[in-house]
Amino acid sequence: MKTYKEPTVRISSMKKYQTYAKNIATMFEELLLSQITPSIAQERIITFGHTHSSLEATKNIATTIKSSLKDAYVDGYIECDVFGRLKAVSSKKQTSIQNYLDAQ
Protein backbone atom coordinates (compact mmCIF):
# COMPACT_ATOMS: atom_id res chain seq x y z
CA MET A 1 0.00 0.00 0.00
CA LYS A 2 2.73 2.41 0.89
CA THR A 3 4.47 2.16 -2.49
CA TYR A 4 1.53 2.41 -4.86
CA LYS A 5 -1.39 3.88 -2.93
CA GLU A 6 -0.24 6.11 -0.09
CA PRO A 7 1.43 8.83 -2.19
CA THR A 8 -1.67 9.31 -4.37
CA VAL A 9 -4.79 8.81 -2.24
CA ARG A 10 -6.66 10.66 0.48
CA ILE A 11 -6.24 9.78 4.15
CA SER A 12 -9.79 8.40 4.27
CA SER A 13 -8.98 6.04 1.39
CA MET A 14 -5.84 4.84 3.15
CA LYS A 15 -7.88 4.06 6.26
CA LYS A 16 -10.30 2.05 4.11
CA TYR A 17 -7.39 0.14 2.54
CA GLN A 18 -5.97 -0.59 5.99
CA THR A 19 -9.34 -1.98 7.11
CA TYR A 20 -9.50 -4.18 4.01
CA ALA A 21 -5.94 -5.37 4.67
CA LYS A 22 -6.86 -6.39 8.23
CA ASN A 23 -9.95 -8.26 7.00
CA ILE A 24 -7.99 -10.07 4.30
CA ALA A 25 -5.19 -10.96 6.71
CA THR A 26 -7.78 -12.50 9.02
CA MET A 27 -9.49 -14.35 6.17
CA PHE A 28 -6.27 -15.98 4.95
CA GLU A 29 -4.10 -15.87 8.09
CA GLU A 30 -3.01 -19.52 8.09
CA LEU A 31 -2.13 -19.69 4.39
CA LEU A 32 0.91 -18.74 2.40
CA LEU A 33 0.18 -16.85 -0.80
CA SER A 34 1.25 -19.89 -2.83
CA GLN A 35 -1.35 -22.04 -1.02
CA ILE A 36 -4.37 -19.98 -2.06
CA THR A 37 -6.44 -21.72 -4.73
CA PRO A 38 -9.52 -20.36 -6.53
CA SER A 39 -11.81 -22.55 -4.42
CA ILE A 40 -10.19 -21.49 -1.13
CA ALA A 41 -10.41 -17.81 -2.09
CA GLN A 42 -14.07 -18.19 -3.11
CA GLU A 43 -14.94 -20.04 0.13
CA ARG A 44 -13.38 -17.22 2.17
CA ILE A 45 -15.34 -14.59 0.22
CA ILE A 46 -18.58 -16.55 0.77
CA THR A 47 -17.88 -16.79 4.50
CA PHE A 48 -17.17 -13.05 4.63
CA GLY A 49 -20.41 -12.37 2.75
CA HIS A 50 -22.47 -14.39 5.21
CA THR A 51 -20.96 -12.71 8.25
CA HIS A 52 -20.97 -9.06 7.16
CA SER A 53 -23.78 -6.60 6.85
CA SER A 54 -24.01 -5.79 3.16
CA LEU A 55 -23.45 -7.01 -0.35
CA GLU A 56 -21.51 -3.81 -0.99
CA ALA A 57 -18.97 -4.68 1.74
CA THR A 58 -18.55 -8.13 0.21
CA LYS A 59 -18.12 -6.67 -3.29
CA ASN A 60 -15.48 -4.27 -1.99
CA ILE A 61 -13.48 -6.99 -0.24
CA ALA A 62 -13.80 -9.34 -3.24
CA THR A 63 -12.55 -6.63 -5.59
CA THR A 64 -9.61 -5.93 -3.29
CA ILE A 65 -8.74 -9.65 -3.06
CA LYS A 66 -8.97 -10.08 -6.83
CA SER A 67 -6.77 -7.05 -7.43
CA SER A 68 -4.19 -8.21 -4.90
CA LEU A 69 -4.05 -11.73 -6.35
CA LYS A 70 -3.75 -10.31 -9.87
CA ASP A 71 -0.82 -8.16 -8.74
CA ALA A 72 0.79 -11.20 -7.10
CA TYR A 73 0.38 -13.14 -10.36
CA VAL A 74 1.83 -10.33 -12.50
CA ASP A 75 4.74 -9.90 -10.06
CA GLY A 76 5.47 -13.66 -10.09
CA TYR A 77 4.52 -14.45 -6.48
CA ILE A 78 1.88 -16.96 -7.61
CA GLU A 79 2.05 -19.18 -10.68
CA CYS A 80 -1.59 -19.37 -11.80
CA ASP A 81 -4.72 -17.25 -12.15
CA VAL A 82 -6.40 -17.55 -8.75
CA PHE A 83 -8.54 -14.44 -9.21
CA GLY A 84 -10.36 -14.70 -12.54
CA ARG A 85 -13.53 -16.48 -11.42
CA LEU A 86 -13.98 -15.01 -7.94
CA LYS A 87 -17.46 -13.60 -7.23
CA ALA A 88 -18.89 -11.57 -4.38
CA VAL A 89 -21.50 -13.68 -2.58
CA SER A 90 -23.49 -12.37 0.35
CA SER A 91 -26.51 -13.41 2.38
CA LYS A 92 -27.84 -9.92 1.57
CA LYS A 93 -28.90 -10.06 -2.05
CA GLN A 94 -28.96 -6.35 -2.81
CA THR A 95 -27.15 -3.22 -1.87
CA SER A 96 -29.19 -0.93 0.32
CA ILE A 97 -29.18 2.65 -0.87
CA GLN A 98 -30.35 5.23 1.58
CA ASN A 99 -31.86 8.41 0.20
CA TYR A 100 -31.79 10.90 3.02
CA LEU A 101 -33.87 13.40 1.04
CA ASP A 102 -36.83 10.98 1.23
CA ALA A 103 -36.63 10.66 5.03
CA GLN A 104 -39.92 11.36 6.79
PDB file of N, CA and C in Angstrom:
ATOM      1  N   MET A   1       0.813  -1.187   0.000  1.00  0.00           N
ATOM      2  CA  MET A   1       0.000   0.000   0.000  1.00  0.00           C
ATOM      3  C   MET A   1       0.863   1.260   0.000  1.00  0.00           C
ATOM      4  N   LYS A   2       1.902   1.217   0.777  1.00  0.00           N
ATOM      5  CA  LYS A   2       2.731   2.412   0.886  1.00  0.00           C
ATOM      6  C   LYS A   2       3.356   2.814  -0.445  1.00  0.00           C
ATOM      7  N   THR A   3       3.787   1.853  -1.231  1.00  0.00           N
ATOM      8  CA  THR A   3       4.469   2.158  -2.485  1.00  0.00           C
ATOM      9  C   THR A   3       3.533   2.706  -3.540  1.00  0.00           C
ATOM     10  N   TYR A   4       2.393   2.049  -3.738  1.00  0.00           N
ATOM     11  CA  TYR A   4       1.533   2.415  -4.858  1.00  0.00           C
ATOM     12  C   TYR A   4       0.356   3.305  -4.483  1.00  0.00           C
ATOM     13  N   LYS A   5      -0.167   3.169  -3.292  1.00  0.00           N
ATOM     14  CA  LYS A   5      -1.391   3.883  -2.928  1.00  0.00           C
ATOM     15  C   LYS A   5      -1.160   5.138  -2.096  1.00  0.00           C
ATOM     16  N   GLU A   6      -0.354   5.018  -1.053  1.00  0.00           N
ATOM     17  CA  GLU A   6      -0.236   6.108  -0.087  1.00  0.00           C
ATOM     18  C   GLU A   6       0.137   7.455  -0.701  1.00  0.00           C
ATOM     19  N   PRO A   7       1.072   7.508  -1.655  1.00  0.00           N
ATOM     20  CA  PRO A   7       1.434   8.827  -2.188  1.00  0.00           C
ATOM     21  C   PRO A   7       0.324   9.508  -3.004  1.00  0.00           C
ATOM     22  N   THR A   8      -0.699   8.740  -3.425  1.00  0.00           N
ATOM     23  CA  THR A   8      -1.667   9.308  -4.372  1.00  0.00           C
ATOM     24  C   THR A   8      -3.110   9.342  -3.886  1.00  0.00           C
ATOM     25  N   VAL A   9      -3.400   8.858  -2.693  1.00  0.00           N
ATOM     26  CA  VAL A   9      -4.793   8.810  -2.243  1.00  0.00           C
ATOM     27  C   VAL A   9      -5.013   9.628  -0.975  1.00  0.00           C
ATOM     28  N   ARG A  10      -6.282   9.907  -0.724  1.00  0.00           N
ATOM     29  CA  ARG A  10      -6.656  10.661   0.480  1.00  0.00           C
ATOM     30  C   ARG A  10      -6.463   9.811   1.732  1.00  0.00           C
ATOM     31  N   ILE A  11      -6.403  10.465   2.866  1.00  0.00           N
ATOM     32  CA  ILE A  11      -6.239   9.784   4.147  1.00  0.00           C
ATOM     33  C   ILE A  11      -7.410   8.832   4.396  1.00  0.00           C
ATOM     34  N   SER A  12      -8.626   9.261   4.052  1.00  0.00           N
ATOM     35  CA  SER A  12      -9.788   8.400   4.273  1.00  0.00           C
ATOM     36  C   SER A  12      -9.697   7.126   3.435  1.00  0.00           C
ATOM     37  N   SER A  13      -9.161   7.230   2.230  1.00  0.00           N
ATOM     38  CA  SER A  13      -8.982   6.039   1.388  1.00  0.00           C
ATOM     39  C   SER A  13      -7.930   5.109   1.985  1.00  0.00           C
ATOM     40  N   MET A  14      -6.866   5.671   2.515  1.00  0.00           N
ATOM     41  CA  MET A  14      -5.836   4.841   3.148  1.00  0.00           C
ATOM     42  C   MET A  14      -6.403   4.087   4.345  1.00  0.00           C
ATOM     43  N   LYS A  15      -7.260   4.735   5.113  1.00  0.00           N
ATOM     44  CA  LYS A  15      -7.882   4.058   6.259  1.00  0.00           C
ATOM     45  C   LYS A  15      -8.754   2.904   5.775  1.00  0.00           C
ATOM     46  N   LYS A  16      -9.478   3.117   4.679  1.00  0.00           N
ATOM     47  CA  LYS A  16     -10.304   2.054   4.113  1.00  0.00           C
ATOM     48  C   LYS A  16      -9.427   0.894   3.661  1.00  0.00           C
ATOM     49  N   TYR A  17      -8.314   1.183   2.989  1.00  0.00           N
ATOM     50  CA  TYR A  17      -7.390   0.137   2.540  1.00  0.00           C
ATOM     51  C   TYR A  17      -6.810  -0.631   3.728  1.00  0.00           C
ATOM     52  N   GLN A  18      -6.506   0.071   4.800  1.00  0.00           N
ATOM     53  CA  GLN A  18      -5.968  -0.589   5.988  1.00  0.00           C
ATOM     54  C   GLN A  18      -6.998  -1.527   6.614  1.00  0.00           C
ATOM     55  N   THR A  19      -8.266  -1.115   6.610  1.00  0.00           N
ATOM     56  CA  THR A  19      -9.337  -1.978   7.114  1.00  0.00           C
ATOM     57  C   THR A  19      -9.459  -3.223   6.249  1.00  0.00           C
ATOM     58  N   TYR A  20      -9.441  -3.039   4.929  1.00  0.00           N
ATOM     59  CA  TYR A  20      -9.496  -4.182   4.011  1.00  0.00           C
ATOM     60  C   TYR A  20      -8.309  -5.113   4.257  1.00  0.00           C
ATOM     61  N   ALA A  21      -7.132  -4.544   4.445  1.00  0.00           N
ATOM     62  CA  ALA A  21      -5.937  -5.366   4.667  1.00  0.00           C
ATOM     63  C   ALA A  21      -6.085  -6.208   5.934  1.00  0.00           C
ATOM     64  N   LYS A  22      -6.644  -5.638   6.992  1.00  0.00           N
ATOM     65  CA  LYS A  22      -6.859  -6.394   8.234  1.00  0.00           C
ATOM     66  C   LYS A  22      -7.858  -7.522   8.003  1.00  0.00           C
ATOM     67  N   ASN A  23      -8.956  -7.223   7.288  1.00  0.00           N
ATOM     68  CA  ASN A  23      -9.951  -8.255   6.997  1.00  0.00           C
ATOM     69  C   ASN A  23      -9.350  -9.393   6.187  1.00  0.00           C
ATOM     70  N   ILE A  24      -8.591  -9.046   5.166  1.00  0.00           N
ATOM     71  CA  ILE A  24      -7.988 -10.068   4.296  1.00  0.00           C
ATOM     72  C   ILE A  24      -6.959 -10.881   5.066  1.00  0.00           C
ATOM     73  N   ALA A  25      -6.172 -10.229   5.904  1.00  0.00           N
ATOM     74  CA  ALA A  25      -5.188 -10.957   6.713  1.00  0.00           C
ATOM     75  C   ALA A  25      -5.881 -11.967   7.619  1.00  0.00           C
ATOM     76  N   THR A  26      -7.015 -11.590   8.176  1.00  0.00           N
ATOM     77  CA  THR A  26      -7.782 -12.502   9.022  1.00  0.00           C
ATOM     78  C   THR A  26      -8.367 -13.646   8.197  1.00  0.00           C
ATOM     79  N   MET A  27      -8.864 -13.340   7.021  1.00  0.00           N
ATOM     80  CA  MET A  27      -9.493 -14.352   6.166  1.00  0.00           C
ATOM     81  C   MET A  27      -8.513 -15.433   5.719  1.00  0.00           C
ATOM     82  N   PHE A  28      -7.258 -15.062   5.515  1.00  0.00           N
ATOM     83  CA  PHE A  28      -6.271 -15.985   4.954  1.00  0.00           C
ATOM     84  C   PHE A  28      -5.070 -16.188   5.874  1.00  0.00           C
ATOM     85  N   GLU A  29      -5.226 -15.934   7.171  1.00  0.00           N
ATOM     86  CA  GLU A  29      -4.099 -15.871   8.093  1.00  0.00           C
ATOM     87  C   GLU A  29      -3.228 -17.118   8.142  1.00  0.00           C
ATOM     88  N   GLU A  30      -3.805 -18.299   7.949  1.00  0.00           N
ATOM     89  CA  GLU A  30      -3.015 -19.522   8.093  1.00  0.00           C
ATOM     90  C   GLU A  30      -2.377 -19.983   6.786  1.00  0.00           C
ATOM     91  N   LEU A  31      -2.608 -19.262   5.699  1.00  0.00           N
ATOM     92  CA  LEU A  31      -2.132 -19.692   4.388  1.00  0.00           C
ATOM     93  C   LEU A  31      -0.986 -18.832   3.864  1.00  0.00           C
ATOM     94  N   LEU A  32      -0.074 -19.470   3.185  1.00  0.00           N
ATOM     95  CA  LEU A  32       0.915 -18.736   2.404  1.00  0.00           C
ATOM     96  C   LEU A  32       0.252 -18.337   1.098  1.00  0.00           C
ATOM     97  N   LEU A  33       0.740 -17.314   0.463  1.00  0.00           N
ATOM     98  CA  LEU A  33       0.175 -16.854  -0.800  1.00  0.00           C
ATOM     99  C   LEU A  33       0.129 -17.984  -1.833  1.00  0.00           C
ATOM    100  N   SER A  34       1.165 -18.786  -1.866  1.00  0.00           N
ATOM    101  CA  SER A  34       1.247 -19.889  -2.831  1.00  0.00           C
ATOM    102  C   SER A  34       0.236 -21.001  -2.557  1.00  0.00           C
ATOM    103  N   GLN A  35      -0.373 -21.013  -1.373  1.00  0.00           N
ATOM    104  CA  GLN A  35      -1.345 -22.043  -1.017  1.00  0.00           C
ATOM    105  C   GLN A  35      -2.783 -21.665  -1.357  1.00  0.00           C
ATOM    106  N   ILE A  36      -3.013 -20.434  -1.762  1.00  0.00           N
ATOM    107  CA  ILE A  36      -4.372 -19.980  -2.061  1.00  0.00           C
ATOM    108  C   ILE A  36      -4.778 -20.474  -3.444  1.00  0.00           C
ATOM    109  N   THR A  37      -5.878 -21.217  -3.477  1.00  0.00           N
ATOM    110  CA  THR A  37      -6.441 -21.716  -4.728  1.00  0.00           C
ATOM    111  C   THR A  37      -7.726 -20.943  -5.012  1.00  0.00           C
ATOM    112  N   PRO A  38      -8.250 -21.034  -6.250  1.00  0.00           N
ATOM    113  CA  PRO A  38      -9.524 -20.357  -6.528  1.00  0.00           C
ATOM    114  C   PRO A  38     -10.645 -20.794  -5.587  1.00  0.00           C
ATOM    115  N   SER A  39     -10.723 -22.082  -5.286  1.00  0.00           N
ATOM    116  CA  SER A  39     -11.809 -22.549  -4.417  1.00  0.00           C
ATOM    117  C   SER A  39     -11.640 -22.057  -2.981  1.00  0.00           C
ATOM    118  N   ILE A  40     -10.428 -22.004  -2.482  1.00  0.00           N
ATOM    119  CA  ILE A  40     -10.194 -21.485  -1.130  1.00  0.00           C
ATOM    120  C   ILE A  40     -10.564 -20.004  -1.075  1.00  0.00           C
ATOM    121  N   ALA A  41     -10.108 -19.239  -2.062  1.00  0.00           N
ATOM    122  CA  ALA A  41     -10.415 -17.806  -2.086  1.00  0.00           C
ATOM    123  C   ALA A  41     -11.925 -17.582  -2.148  1.00  0.00           C
ATOM    124  N   GLN A  42     -12.627 -18.350  -2.990  1.00  0.00           N
ATOM    125  CA  GLN A  42     -14.072 -18.195  -3.106  1.00  0.00           C
ATOM    126  C   GLN A  42     -14.778 -18.566  -1.809  1.00  0.00           C
ATOM    127  N   GLU A  43     -14.348 -19.638  -1.163  1.00  0.00           N
ATOM    128  CA  GLU A  43     -14.936 -20.036   0.126  1.00  0.00           C
ATOM    129  C   GLU A  43     -14.783 -18.934   1.166  1.00  0.00           C
ATOM    130  N   ARG A  44     -13.621 -18.287   1.195  1.00  0.00           N
ATOM    131  CA  ARG A  44     -13.383 -17.217   2.173  1.00  0.00           C
ATOM    132  C   ARG A  44     -14.271 -16.009   1.872  1.00  0.00           C
ATOM    133  N   ILE A  45     -14.468 -15.707   0.594  1.00  0.00           N
ATOM    134  CA  ILE A  45     -15.344 -14.589   0.225  1.00  0.00           C
ATOM    135  C   ILE A  45     -16.793 -14.907   0.609  1.00  0.00           C
ATOM    136  N   ILE A  46     -17.218 -16.141   0.385  1.00  0.00           N
ATOM    137  CA  ILE A  46     -18.583 -16.546   0.769  1.00  0.00           C
ATOM    138  C   ILE A  46     -18.771 -16.420   2.278  1.00  0.00           C
ATOM    139  N   THR A  47     -17.800 -16.900   3.041  1.00  0.00           N
ATOM    140  CA  THR A  47     -17.877 -16.789   4.500  1.00  0.00           C
ATOM    141  C   THR A  47     -17.965 -15.328   4.927  1.00  0.00           C
ATOM    142  N   PHE A  48     -17.127 -14.491   4.336  1.00  0.00           N
ATOM    143  CA  PHE A  48     -17.168 -13.055   4.635  1.00  0.00           C
ATOM    144  C   PHE A  48     -18.557 -12.499   4.320  1.00  0.00           C
ATOM    145  N   GLY A  49     -19.105 -12.869   3.163  1.00  0.00           N
ATOM    146  CA  GLY A  49     -20.411 -12.368   2.754  1.00  0.00           C
ATOM    147  C   GLY A  49     -21.547 -12.775   3.673  1.00  0.00           C
ATOM    148  N   HIS A  50     -21.420 -13.929   4.302  1.00  0.00           N
ATOM    149  CA  HIS A  50     -22.465 -14.389   5.208  1.00  0.00           C
ATOM    150  C   HIS A  50     -22.321 -13.808   6.605  1.00  0.00           C
ATOM    151  N   THR A  51     -21.177 -13.237   6.903  1.00  0.00           N
ATOM    152  CA  THR A  51     -20.958 -12.707   8.254  1.00  0.00           C
ATOM    153  C   THR A  51     -20.868 -11.186   8.308  1.00  0.00           C
ATOM    154  N   HIS A  52     -21.042 -10.522   7.170  1.00  0.00           N
ATOM    155  CA  HIS A  52     -20.971  -9.060   7.160  1.00  0.00           C
ATOM    156  C   HIS A  52     -22.285  -8.472   6.659  1.00  0.00           C
ATOM    157  N   SER A  53     -22.457  -7.209   6.924  1.00  0.00           N
ATOM    158  CA  SER A  53     -23.778  -6.604   6.846  1.00  0.00           C
ATOM    159  C   SER A  53     -24.310  -6.291   5.452  1.00  0.00           C
ATOM    160  N   SER A  54     -23.469  -6.207   4.448  1.00  0.00           N
ATOM    161  CA  SER A  54     -24.011  -5.787   3.156  1.00  0.00           C
ATOM    162  C   SER A  54     -23.306  -6.449   1.984  1.00  0.00           C
ATOM    163  N   LEU A  55     -24.031  -6.524   0.892  1.00  0.00           N
ATOM    164  CA  LEU A  55     -23.454  -7.010  -0.351  1.00  0.00           C
ATOM    165  C   LEU A  55     -22.343  -6.074  -0.807  1.00  0.00           C
ATOM    166  N   GLU A  56     -22.520  -4.794  -0.589  1.00  0.00           N
ATOM    167  CA  GLU A  56     -21.514  -3.807  -0.992  1.00  0.00           C
ATOM    168  C   GLU A  56     -20.174  -4.061  -0.289  1.00  0.00           C
ATOM    169  N   ALA A  57     -20.207  -4.375   1.005  1.00  0.00           N
ATOM    170  CA  ALA A  57     -18.974  -4.681   1.739  1.00  0.00           C
ATOM    171  C   ALA A  57     -18.299  -5.909   1.149  1.00  0.00           C
ATOM    172  N   THR A  58     -19.101  -6.908   0.792  1.00  0.00           N
ATOM    173  CA  THR A  58     -18.548  -8.126   0.205  1.00  0.00           C
ATOM    174  C   THR A  58     -17.966  -7.844  -1.177  1.00  0.00           C
ATOM    175  N   LYS A  59     -18.651  -7.037  -1.967  1.00  0.00           N
ATOM    176  CA  LYS A  59     -18.124  -6.667  -3.290  1.00  0.00           C
ATOM    177  C   LYS A  59     -16.791  -5.938  -3.151  1.00  0.00           C
ATOM    178  N   ASN A  60     -16.716  -5.030  -2.190  1.00  0.00           N
ATOM    179  CA  ASN A  60     -15.476  -4.269  -1.991  1.00  0.00           C
ATOM    180  C   ASN A  60     -14.321  -5.175  -1.599  1.00  0.00           C
ATOM    181  N   ILE A  61     -14.563  -6.105  -0.676  1.00  0.00           N
ATOM    182  CA  ILE A  61     -13.481  -6.991  -0.237  1.00  0.00           C
ATOM    183  C   ILE A  61     -13.099  -7.949  -1.352  1.00  0.00           C
ATOM    184  N   ALA A  62     -14.091  -8.436  -2.121  1.00  0.00           N
ATOM    185  CA  ALA A  62     -13.803  -9.342  -3.240  1.00  0.00           C
ATOM    186  C   ALA A  62     -12.972  -8.634  -4.306  1.00  0.00           C
ATOM    187  N   THR A  63     -13.310  -7.405  -4.612  1.00  0.00           N
ATOM    188  CA  THR A  63     -12.547  -6.627  -5.593  1.00  0.00           C
ATOM    189  C   THR A  63     -11.118  -6.424  -5.127  1.00  0.00           C
ATOM    190  N   THR A  64     -10.949  -6.137  -3.850  1.00  0.00           N
ATOM    191  CA  THR A  64      -9.614  -5.933  -3.294  1.00  0.00           C
ATOM    192  C   THR A  64      -8.801  -7.230  -3.339  1.00  0.00           C
ATOM    193  N   ILE A  65      -9.431  -8.355  -3.004  1.00  0.00           N
ATOM    194  CA  ILE A  65      -8.739  -9.648  -3.059  1.00  0.00           C
ATOM    195  C   ILE A  65      -8.338  -9.972  -4.488  1.00  0.00           C
ATOM    196  N   LYS A  66      -9.267  -9.794  -5.429  1.00  0.00           N
ATOM    197  CA  LYS A  66      -8.971 -10.082  -6.834  1.00  0.00           C
ATOM    198  C   LYS A  66      -7.810  -9.228  -7.335  1.00  0.00           C
ATOM    199  N   SER A  67      -7.836  -7.955  -7.007  1.00  0.00           N
ATOM    200  CA  SER A  67      -6.775  -7.045  -7.432  1.00  0.00           C
ATOM    201  C   SER A  67      -5.425  -7.441  -6.837  1.00  0.00           C
ATOM    202  N   SER A  68      -5.437  -7.805  -5.564  1.00  0.00           N
ATOM    203  CA  SER A  68      -4.194  -8.207  -4.897  1.00  0.00           C
ATOM    204  C   SER A  68      -3.627  -9.491  -5.490  1.00  0.00           C
ATOM    205  N   LEU A  69      -4.509 -10.466  -5.760  1.00  0.00           N
ATOM    206  CA  LEU A  69      -4.053 -11.725  -6.352  1.00  0.00           C
ATOM    207  C   LEU A  69      -3.558 -11.515  -7.785  1.00  0.00           C
ATOM    208  N   LYS A  70      -4.208 -10.618  -8.506  1.00  0.00           N
ATOM    209  CA  LYS A  70      -3.751 -10.312  -9.867  1.00  0.00           C
ATOM    210  C   LYS A  70      -2.359  -9.683  -9.828  1.00  0.00           C
ATOM    211  N   ASP A  71      -2.147  -8.761  -8.910  1.00  0.00           N
ATOM    212  CA  ASP A  71      -0.818  -8.158  -8.744  1.00  0.00           C
ATOM    213  C   ASP A  71       0.219  -9.211  -8.384  1.00  0.00           C
ATOM    214  N   ALA A  72      -0.138 -10.129  -7.493  1.00  0.00           N
ATOM    215  CA  ALA A  72       0.790 -11.201  -7.096  1.00  0.00           C
ATOM    216  C   ALA A  72       1.135 -12.084  -8.293  1.00  0.00           C
ATOM    217  N   TYR A  73       0.163 -12.340  -9.149  1.00  0.00           N
ATOM    218  CA  TYR A  73       0.381 -13.138 -10.361  1.00  0.00           C
ATOM    219  C   TYR A  73       1.311 -12.402 -11.339  1.00  0.00           C
ATOM    220  N   VAL A  74       1.017 -11.138 -11.580  1.00  0.00           N
ATOM    221  CA  VAL A  74       1.834 -10.329 -12.496  1.00  0.00           C
ATOM    222  C   VAL A  74       3.264 -10.194 -11.976  1.00  0.00           C
ATOM    223  N   ASP A  75       3.415 -10.067 -10.671  1.00  0.00           N
ATOM    224  CA  ASP A  75       4.739  -9.905 -10.060  1.00  0.00           C
ATOM    225  C   ASP A  75       5.471 -11.228  -9.839  1.00  0.00           C
ATOM    226  N   GLY A  76       4.820 -12.355 -10.176  1.00  0.00           N
ATOM    227  CA  GLY A  76       5.471 -13.658 -10.088  1.00  0.00           C
ATOM    228  C   GLY A  76       5.428 -14.337  -8.731  1.00  0.00           C
ATOM    229  N   TYR A  77       4.609 -13.833  -7.805  1.00  0.00           N
ATOM    230  CA  TYR A  77       4.516 -14.452  -6.481  1.00  0.00           C
ATOM    231  C   TYR A  77       3.631 -15.691  -6.478  1.00  0.00           C
ATOM    232  N   ILE A  78       2.695 -15.768  -7.423  1.00  0.00           N
ATOM    233  CA  ILE A  78       1.884 -16.965  -7.611  1.00  0.00           C
ATOM    234  C   ILE A  78       1.970 -17.364  -9.074  1.00  0.00           C
ATOM    235  N   GLU A  79       1.789 -18.665  -9.341  1.00  0.00           N
ATOM    236  CA  GLU A  79       2.046 -19.183 -10.678  1.00  0.00           C
ATOM    237  C   GLU A  79       0.808 -19.338 -11.552  1.00  0.00           C
ATOM    238  N   CYS A  80      -0.393 -19.205 -10.981  1.00  0.00           N
ATOM    239  CA  CYS A  80      -1.593 -19.374 -11.802  1.00  0.00           C
ATOM    240  C   CYS A  80      -2.637 -18.325 -11.446  1.00  0.00           C
ATOM    241  N   ASP A  81      -3.630 -18.197 -12.333  1.00  0.00           N
ATOM    242  CA  ASP A  81      -4.720 -17.250 -12.152  1.00  0.00           C
ATOM    243  C   ASP A  81      -5.652 -17.766 -11.056  1.00  0.00           C
ATOM    244  N   VAL A  82      -5.567 -17.178  -9.885  1.00  0.00           N
ATOM    245  CA  VAL A  82      -6.402 -17.553  -8.753  1.00  0.00           C
ATOM    246  C   VAL A  82      -7.608 -16.615  -8.663  1.00  0.00           C
ATOM    247  N   PHE A  83      -7.608 -15.547  -9.401  1.00  0.00           N
ATOM    248  CA  PHE A  83      -8.542 -14.443  -9.207  1.00  0.00           C
ATOM    249  C   PHE A  83      -9.644 -14.331 -10.249  1.00  0.00           C
ATOM    250  N   GLY A  84      -9.475 -14.940 -11.406  1.00  0.00           N
ATOM    251  CA  GLY A  84     -10.359 -14.699 -12.541  1.00  0.00           C
ATOM    252  C   GLY A  84     -11.829 -15.015 -12.328  1.00  0.00           C
ATOM    253  N   ARG A  85     -12.133 -16.051 -11.574  1.00  0.00           N
ATOM    254  CA  ARG A  85     -13.532 -16.477 -11.415  1.00  0.00           C
ATOM    255  C   ARG A  85     -14.143 -16.110 -10.072  1.00  0.00           C
ATOM    256  N   LEU A  86     -13.454 -15.350  -9.263  1.00  0.00           N
ATOM    257  CA  LEU A  86     -13.983 -15.006  -7.942  1.00  0.00           C
ATOM    258  C   LEU A  86     -15.202 -14.092  -8.053  1.00  0.00           C
ATOM    259  N   LYS A  87     -16.221 -14.382  -7.240  1.00  0.00           N
ATOM    260  CA  LYS A  87     -17.460 -13.600  -7.232  1.00  0.00           C
ATOM    261  C   LYS A  87     -17.812 -13.206  -5.806  1.00  0.00           C
ATOM    262  N   ALA A  88     -18.385 -12.019  -5.676  1.00  0.00           N
ATOM    263  CA  ALA A  88     -18.885 -11.574  -4.379  1.00  0.00           C
ATOM    264  C   ALA A  88     -20.202 -12.285  -4.103  1.00  0.00           C
ATOM    265  N   VAL A  89     -20.285 -12.969  -2.982  1.00  0.00           N
ATOM    266  CA  VAL A  89     -21.497 -13.677  -2.577  1.00  0.00           C
ATOM    267  C   VAL A  89     -21.827 -13.240  -1.163  1.00  0.00           C
ATOM    268  N   SER A  90     -23.082 -12.859  -0.957  1.00  0.00           N
ATOM    269  CA  SER A  90     -23.493 -12.371   0.349  1.00  0.00           C
ATOM    270  C   SER A  90     -24.871 -12.914   0.693  1.00  0.00           C
ATOM    271  N   SER A  91     -25.164 -13.005   1.976  1.00  0.00           N
ATOM    272  CA  SER A  91     -26.507 -13.406   2.378  1.00  0.00           C
ATOM    273  C   SER A  91     -27.500 -12.272   2.130  1.00  0.00           C
ATOM    274  N   LYS A  92     -26.996 -11.047   1.992  1.00  0.00           N
ATOM    275  CA  LYS A  92     -27.835  -9.923   1.575  1.00  0.00           C
ATOM    276  C   LYS A  92     -27.754  -9.850   0.065  1.00  0.00           C
ATOM    277  N   LYS A  93     -28.881  -9.952  -0.599  1.00  0.00           N
ATOM    278  CA  LYS A  93     -28.900 -10.059  -2.052  1.00  0.00           C
ATOM    279  C   LYS A  93     -28.810  -8.729  -2.784  1.00  0.00           C
ATOM    280  N   GLN A  94     -29.053  -7.629  -2.120  1.00  0.00           N
ATOM    281  CA  GLN A  94     -28.959  -6.355  -2.810  1.00  0.00           C
ATOM    282  C   GLN A  94     -28.292  -5.314  -1.926  1.00  0.00           C
ATOM    283  N   THR A  95     -27.780  -4.321  -2.574  1.00  0.00           N
ATOM    284  CA  THR A  95     -27.151  -3.224  -1.874  1.00  0.00           C
ATOM    285  C   THR A  95     -28.240  -2.274  -1.405  1.00  0.00           C
ATOM    286  N   SER A  96     -28.197  -1.895  -0.153  1.00  0.00           N
ATOM    287  CA  SER A  96     -29.194  -0.934   0.320  1.00  0.00           C
ATOM    288  C   SER A  96     -28.687   0.475   0.061  1.00  0.00           C
ATOM    289  N   ILE A  97     -29.519   1.258  -0.577  1.00  0.00           N
ATOM    290  CA  ILE A  97     -29.185   2.649  -0.873  1.00  0.00           C
ATOM    291  C   ILE A  97     -30.118   3.518  -0.053  1.00  0.00           C
ATOM    292  N   GLN A  98     -29.534   4.368   0.739  1.00  0.00           N
ATOM    293  CA  GLN A  98     -30.348   5.235   1.577  1.00  0.00           C
ATOM    294  C   GLN A  98     -30.428   6.605   0.929  1.00  0.00           C
ATOM    295  N   ASN A  99     -31.649   7.086   0.743  1.00  0.00           N
ATOM    296  CA  ASN A  99     -31.858   8.405   0.197  1.00  0.00           C
ATOM    297  C   ASN A  99     -32.343   9.288   1.338  1.00  0.00           C
ATOM    298  N   TYR A 100     -31.465  10.098   1.864  1.00  0.00           N
ATOM    299  CA  TYR A 100     -31.790  10.904   3.020  1.00  0.00           C
ATOM    300  C   TYR A 100     -32.774  12.017   2.693  1.00  0.00           C
ATOM    301  N   LEU A 101     -32.916  12.363   1.421  1.00  0.00           N
ATOM    302  CA  LEU A 101     -33.874  13.398   1.040  1.00  0.00           C
ATOM    303  C   LEU A 101     -35.305  12.893   1.156  1.00  0.00           C
ATOM    304  N   ASP A 102     -35.507  11.569   1.112  1.00  0.00           N
ATOM    305  CA  ASP A 102     -36.832  10.982   1.230  1.00  0.00           C
ATOM    306  C   ASP A 102     -37.220  10.673   2.672  1.00  0.00           C
ATOM    307  N   ALA A 103     -36.361  10.981   3.615  1.00  0.00           N
ATOM    308  CA  ALA A 103     -36.630  10.659   5.025  1.00  0.00           C
ATOM    309  C   ALA A 103     -37.847  11.421   5.507  1.00  0.00           C
ATOM    310  N   GLN A 104     -38.675  10.753   6.271  1.00  0.00           N
ATOM    311  CA  GLN A 104     -39.919  11.356   6.793  1.00  0.00           C
ATOM    312  C   GLN A 104     -39.712  11.853   8.196  1.00  0.00           C
TER     313      GLN A 104
END
